[in-house]
Amino acid sequence: MEVRTIKETENELLIELPGESETFANLIKEELWNVAGVIEAAFIKEHPELSEVKIWIKTENIKPREALKKAIKNFIEKLEKLKKEYE
């Protein structure tokens, strides 16, 4: 999966996920809201045919990149739990 950093500051991160769906971006956004220090999280899709999905994160007391890593880790753990329960 390709990830492009569009903008990064101490408290904000905007990444682009070429080829990914709004559904995938929404799952990551929802998990970001569960990370302490995330004060805003959103996915952006300017045009359904002409733009790529983006995820925007605003934080305090945590670097946005670290918040994203935590959200992804938490999401993977939830998927693993679901997989075990299904099996």
Protein backbone atom coordinates (compact mmCIF):
# COMPACT_ATOMS: atom_id res chain seq x y z
CA MET A 1 0.00 0.00 0.00
CA GLU A 2 1.28 3.40 -0.94
CA VAL A 3 1.00 6.26 1.54
CA ARG A 4 1.87 9.82 0.57
CA THR A 5 2.47 12.50 3.17
CA ILE A 6 0.83 15.70 1.94
CA LYS A 7 1.37 17.88 5.01
CA GLU A 8 3.04 17.25 8.35
CA THR A 9 3.53 19.60 11.28
CA GLU A 10 4.06 18.97 14.96
CA ASN A 11 0.32 18.57 15.57
CA GLU A 12 -1.18 17.83 12.15
CA LEU A 13 -0.79 15.16 9.52
CA LEU A 14 -2.46 14.84 6.14
CA ILE A 15 -1.80 11.65 4.20
CA GLU A 16 -3.09 10.37 0.89
CA LEU A 17 -3.92 6.70 0.25
CA PRO A 18 -3.80 6.17 -3.52
CA GLY A 19 -6.16 3.45 -4.70
CA GLU A 20 -7.83 2.92 -1.32
CA SER A 21 -11.54 3.23 -0.65
CA GLU A 22 -13.50 5.61 1.53
CA THR A 23 -14.50 2.59 3.60
CA PHE A 24 -10.89 1.82 4.48
CA ALA A 25 -10.13 5.45 5.32
CA ASN A 26 -13.26 5.67 7.46
CA LEU A 27 -12.19 2.61 9.49
CA ILE A 28 -8.82 4.22 10.22
CA LYS A 29 -10.48 7.55 11.06
CA GLU A 30 -12.86 5.89 13.50
CA GLU A 31 -9.99 4.10 15.24
CA LEU A 32 -8.05 7.38 15.49
CA TRP A 33 -10.84 8.76 17.68
CA ASN A 34 -9.96 6.05 20.24
CA VAL A 35 -6.36 7.25 20.59
CA ALA A 36 -5.66 9.60 23.50
CA GLY A 37 -4.47 12.97 22.26
CA VAL A 38 -6.32 12.93 18.95
CA ILE A 39 -8.51 16.03 18.91
CA GLU A 40 -9.68 15.81 15.29
CA ALA A 41 -9.67 13.07 12.67
CA ALA A 42 -11.32 12.99 9.27
CA PHE A 43 -11.14 11.38 5.89
CA ILE A 44 -11.37 13.57 2.83
CA LYS A 45 -12.49 12.71 -0.68
CA GLU A 46 -12.85 15.86 -2.78
CA HIS A 47 -14.22 14.18 -5.90
CA PRO A 48 -15.34 10.56 -6.33
CA GLU A 49 -13.56 10.10 -9.67
CA LEU A 50 -10.73 12.62 -9.67
CA SER A 51 -9.13 12.52 -6.24
CA GLU A 52 -7.58 10.07 -3.82
CA VAL A 53 -8.74 9.44 -0.27
CA LYS A 54 -6.91 11.44 2.40
CA ILE A 55 -6.80 11.14 6.19
CA TRP A 56 -6.30 14.25 8.30
CA ILE A 57 -5.24 14.08 11.96
CA LYS A 58 -4.87 16.86 14.53
CA THR A 59 -3.39 16.04 17.94
CA GLU A 60 -2.15 17.43 21.21
CA ASN A 61 0.36 15.78 23.55
CA ILE A 62 1.14 13.13 20.92
CA LYS A 63 2.73 13.30 17.49
CA PRO A 64 0.16 12.68 14.76
CA ARG A 65 2.33 9.97 13.19
CA GLU A 66 2.44 8.13 16.54
CA ALA A 67 -1.33 8.46 16.88
CA LEU A 68 -1.76 6.94 13.43
CA LYS A 69 0.54 4.04 14.34
CA LYS A 70 -1.44 3.40 17.53
CA ALA A 71 -4.75 3.49 15.66
CA ILE A 72 -3.49 1.00 13.09
CA LYS A 73 -2.11 -1.28 15.83
CA ASN A 74 -5.44 -1.18 17.68
CA PHE A 75 -7.33 -1.91 14.46
CA ILE A 76 -5.11 -4.92 13.70
CA GLU A 77 -5.67 -6.25 17.23
CA LYS A 78 -9.44 -5.97 16.77
CA LEU A 79 -9.23 -7.81 13.46
CA GLU A 80 -7.14 -10.57 15.05
CA LYS A 81 -9.70 -10.94 17.83
CA LEU A 82 -12.52 -11.14 15.30
CA LYS A 83 -10.60 -13.74 13.31
CA LYS A 84 -10.07 -15.91 16.42
CA GLU A 85 -13.72 -15.64 17.40
CA TYR A 86 -14.82 -16.55 13.90
CA GLU A 87 -12.56 -19.60 13.73
